[in-house]
N, C-alpha and C. Protein backbone atom coordinates (compact mmCIF):
# COMPACT_ATOMS: atom_id res chain seq x y z
N MET A 1 -13.89 -55.17 5.10
CA MET A 1 -12.62 -54.60 5.54
C MET A 1 -12.67 -54.42 7.05
N ASP A 2 -11.68 -54.92 7.70
CA ASP A 2 -11.58 -54.84 9.14
C ASP A 2 -11.10 -53.45 9.55
N ILE A 3 -11.53 -52.99 10.73
CA ILE A 3 -11.14 -51.66 11.21
C ILE A 3 -9.64 -51.56 11.44
N ASN A 4 -9.00 -52.66 11.81
CA ASN A 4 -7.56 -52.65 12.04
C ASN A 4 -6.77 -52.47 10.73
N ILE A 5 -7.28 -53.01 9.65
CA ILE A 5 -6.65 -52.81 8.34
C ILE A 5 -6.76 -51.34 7.94
N LEU A 6 -7.92 -50.76 8.17
CA LEU A 6 -8.11 -49.35 7.86
C LEU A 6 -7.19 -48.47 8.70
N ARG A 7 -7.05 -48.79 9.96
CA ARG A 7 -6.13 -48.05 10.84
C ARG A 7 -4.69 -48.17 10.36
N SER A 8 -4.32 -49.36 9.93
CA SER A 8 -2.96 -49.58 9.42
C SER A 8 -2.71 -48.77 8.15
N ILE A 9 -3.68 -48.72 7.27
CA ILE A 9 -3.54 -47.94 6.04
C ILE A 9 -3.41 -46.45 6.35
N VAL A 10 -4.23 -45.96 7.25
CA VAL A 10 -4.15 -44.55 7.64
C VAL A 10 -2.80 -44.23 8.29
N THR A 11 -2.30 -45.13 9.10
CA THR A 11 -0.99 -44.93 9.73
C THR A 11 0.12 -44.87 8.69
N VAL A 12 0.11 -45.76 7.72
CA VAL A 12 1.13 -45.78 6.69
C VAL A 12 1.06 -44.52 5.83
N VAL A 13 -0.14 -44.08 5.49
CA VAL A 13 -0.30 -42.86 4.69
C VAL A 13 0.17 -41.64 5.47
N ALA A 14 -0.16 -41.57 6.74
CA ALA A 14 0.28 -40.43 7.56
C ALA A 14 1.80 -40.43 7.71
N PHE A 15 2.41 -41.59 7.88
CA PHE A 15 3.86 -41.68 7.99
C PHE A 15 4.53 -41.27 6.67
N ALA A 16 3.96 -41.68 5.55
CA ALA A 16 4.51 -41.30 4.25
C ALA A 16 4.41 -39.79 4.04
N ALA A 17 3.29 -39.18 4.47
CA ALA A 17 3.15 -37.73 4.37
C ALA A 17 4.18 -37.03 5.26
N PHE A 18 4.40 -37.54 6.44
CA PHE A 18 5.40 -36.97 7.34
C PHE A 18 6.79 -37.02 6.72
N ILE A 19 7.16 -38.15 6.18
CA ILE A 19 8.48 -38.29 5.54
C ILE A 19 8.58 -37.34 4.35
N GLY A 20 7.52 -37.19 3.58
CA GLY A 20 7.52 -36.27 2.45
C GLY A 20 7.73 -34.83 2.89
N ILE A 21 7.09 -34.42 3.97
CA ILE A 21 7.25 -33.06 4.48
C ILE A 21 8.67 -32.84 5.00
N VAL A 22 9.22 -33.83 5.68
CA VAL A 22 10.59 -33.71 6.19
C VAL A 22 11.58 -33.59 5.03
N LEU A 23 11.42 -34.40 4.00
CA LEU A 23 12.31 -34.32 2.84
C LEU A 23 12.17 -32.97 2.14
N TRP A 24 10.97 -32.46 2.03
CA TRP A 24 10.74 -31.15 1.40
C TRP A 24 11.40 -30.05 2.22
N ALA A 25 11.25 -30.09 3.53
CA ALA A 25 11.78 -29.03 4.39
C ALA A 25 13.30 -29.02 4.41
N TYR A 26 13.93 -30.17 4.32
CA TYR A 26 15.39 -30.25 4.39
C TYR A 26 16.04 -30.34 3.02
N SER A 27 15.30 -30.15 1.94
CA SER A 27 15.91 -30.22 0.62
C SER A 27 16.76 -28.98 0.36
N ASP A 28 17.77 -29.14 -0.45
CA ASP A 28 18.67 -28.03 -0.76
C ASP A 28 17.98 -26.94 -1.57
N ARG A 29 16.95 -27.28 -2.31
CA ARG A 29 16.24 -26.27 -3.09
C ARG A 29 15.50 -25.27 -2.22
N ARG A 30 15.11 -25.65 -1.02
CA ARG A 30 14.34 -24.78 -0.13
C ARG A 30 15.23 -24.01 0.84
N LYS A 31 16.52 -24.35 0.92
CA LYS A 31 17.41 -23.75 1.91
C LYS A 31 17.49 -22.24 1.77
N GLU A 32 17.65 -21.73 0.57
CA GLU A 32 17.77 -20.28 0.38
C GLU A 32 16.50 -19.55 0.81
N ALA A 33 15.35 -20.09 0.48
CA ALA A 33 14.08 -19.45 0.85
C ALA A 33 13.90 -19.46 2.37
N PHE A 34 14.26 -20.56 3.01
CA PHE A 34 14.13 -20.63 4.47
C PHE A 34 15.13 -19.72 5.17
N ASP A 35 16.35 -19.61 4.62
CA ASP A 35 17.34 -18.69 5.20
C ASP A 35 16.88 -17.24 5.07
N GLN A 36 16.30 -16.91 3.94
CA GLN A 36 15.78 -15.55 3.74
C GLN A 36 14.63 -15.27 4.72
N ALA A 37 13.76 -16.22 4.92
CA ALA A 37 12.65 -16.05 5.86
C ALA A 37 13.15 -15.94 7.29
N ALA A 38 14.24 -16.62 7.61
CA ALA A 38 14.79 -16.55 8.96
C ALA A 38 15.42 -15.19 9.25
N ARG A 39 15.96 -14.52 8.22
CA ARG A 39 16.57 -13.21 8.39
C ARG A 39 15.55 -12.08 8.36
N LEU A 40 14.34 -12.35 7.96
CA LEU A 40 13.33 -11.32 7.77
C LEU A 40 13.07 -10.45 9.00
N PRO A 41 12.97 -10.97 10.21
CA PRO A 41 12.72 -10.10 11.37
C PRO A 41 13.85 -9.11 11.63
N PHE A 42 15.07 -9.45 11.24
CA PHE A 42 16.21 -8.59 11.49
C PHE A 42 16.38 -7.51 10.43
N GLU A 43 15.73 -7.68 9.28
CA GLU A 43 15.87 -6.73 8.19
C GLU A 43 14.82 -5.62 8.24
N GLU A 44 13.76 -5.81 9.00
CA GLU A 44 12.71 -4.80 9.09
C GLU A 44 13.12 -3.70 10.06
N GLU A 45 12.64 -2.49 9.80
CA GLU A 45 12.92 -1.38 10.69
C GLU A 45 12.00 -1.45 11.90
N ASP A 46 12.49 -0.91 13.02
CA ASP A 46 11.67 -0.87 14.23
C ASP A 46 10.59 0.18 14.08
N GLU A 47 9.36 -0.24 14.21
CA GLU A 47 8.24 0.68 14.12
C GLU A 47 7.50 0.79 15.44
N GLY A 48 7.88 0.00 16.40
CA GLY A 48 7.19 -0.03 17.68
C GLY A 48 7.68 1.08 18.62
N VAL A 49 7.10 1.10 19.77
CA VAL A 49 7.47 2.07 20.79
C VAL A 49 8.72 1.57 21.49
N GLY A 50 9.69 2.46 21.66
CA GLY A 50 10.95 2.08 22.30
C GLY A 50 10.80 2.07 23.81
N TYR A 51 11.89 1.74 24.47
CA TYR A 51 11.92 1.65 25.93
C TYR A 51 11.70 3.04 26.53
N GLY A 52 10.75 3.16 27.41
CA GLY A 52 10.49 4.41 28.10
C GLY A 52 9.63 5.39 27.32
N GLU A 53 9.23 5.06 26.12
CA GLU A 53 8.40 5.94 25.31
C GLU A 53 6.94 5.51 25.42
N ARG A 54 6.07 6.45 25.25
CA ARG A 54 4.63 6.13 25.25
C ARG A 54 3.99 6.65 24.00
N LYS A 55 2.92 6.03 23.63
CA LYS A 55 2.17 6.46 22.44
C LYS A 55 1.33 7.66 22.75
């Protein structure tokens, strides 16, 4: 087996994995979970130190 054939196989497998991840991320089944995760920082209460306050 030539090294160039092996490189070509690895490239095709990596590209197929990339396409699979993109399809998974943009699928309609995942939209609700991603939207919920995007709102998460805004739903938590502020626990940090405010402006001008010290610990």
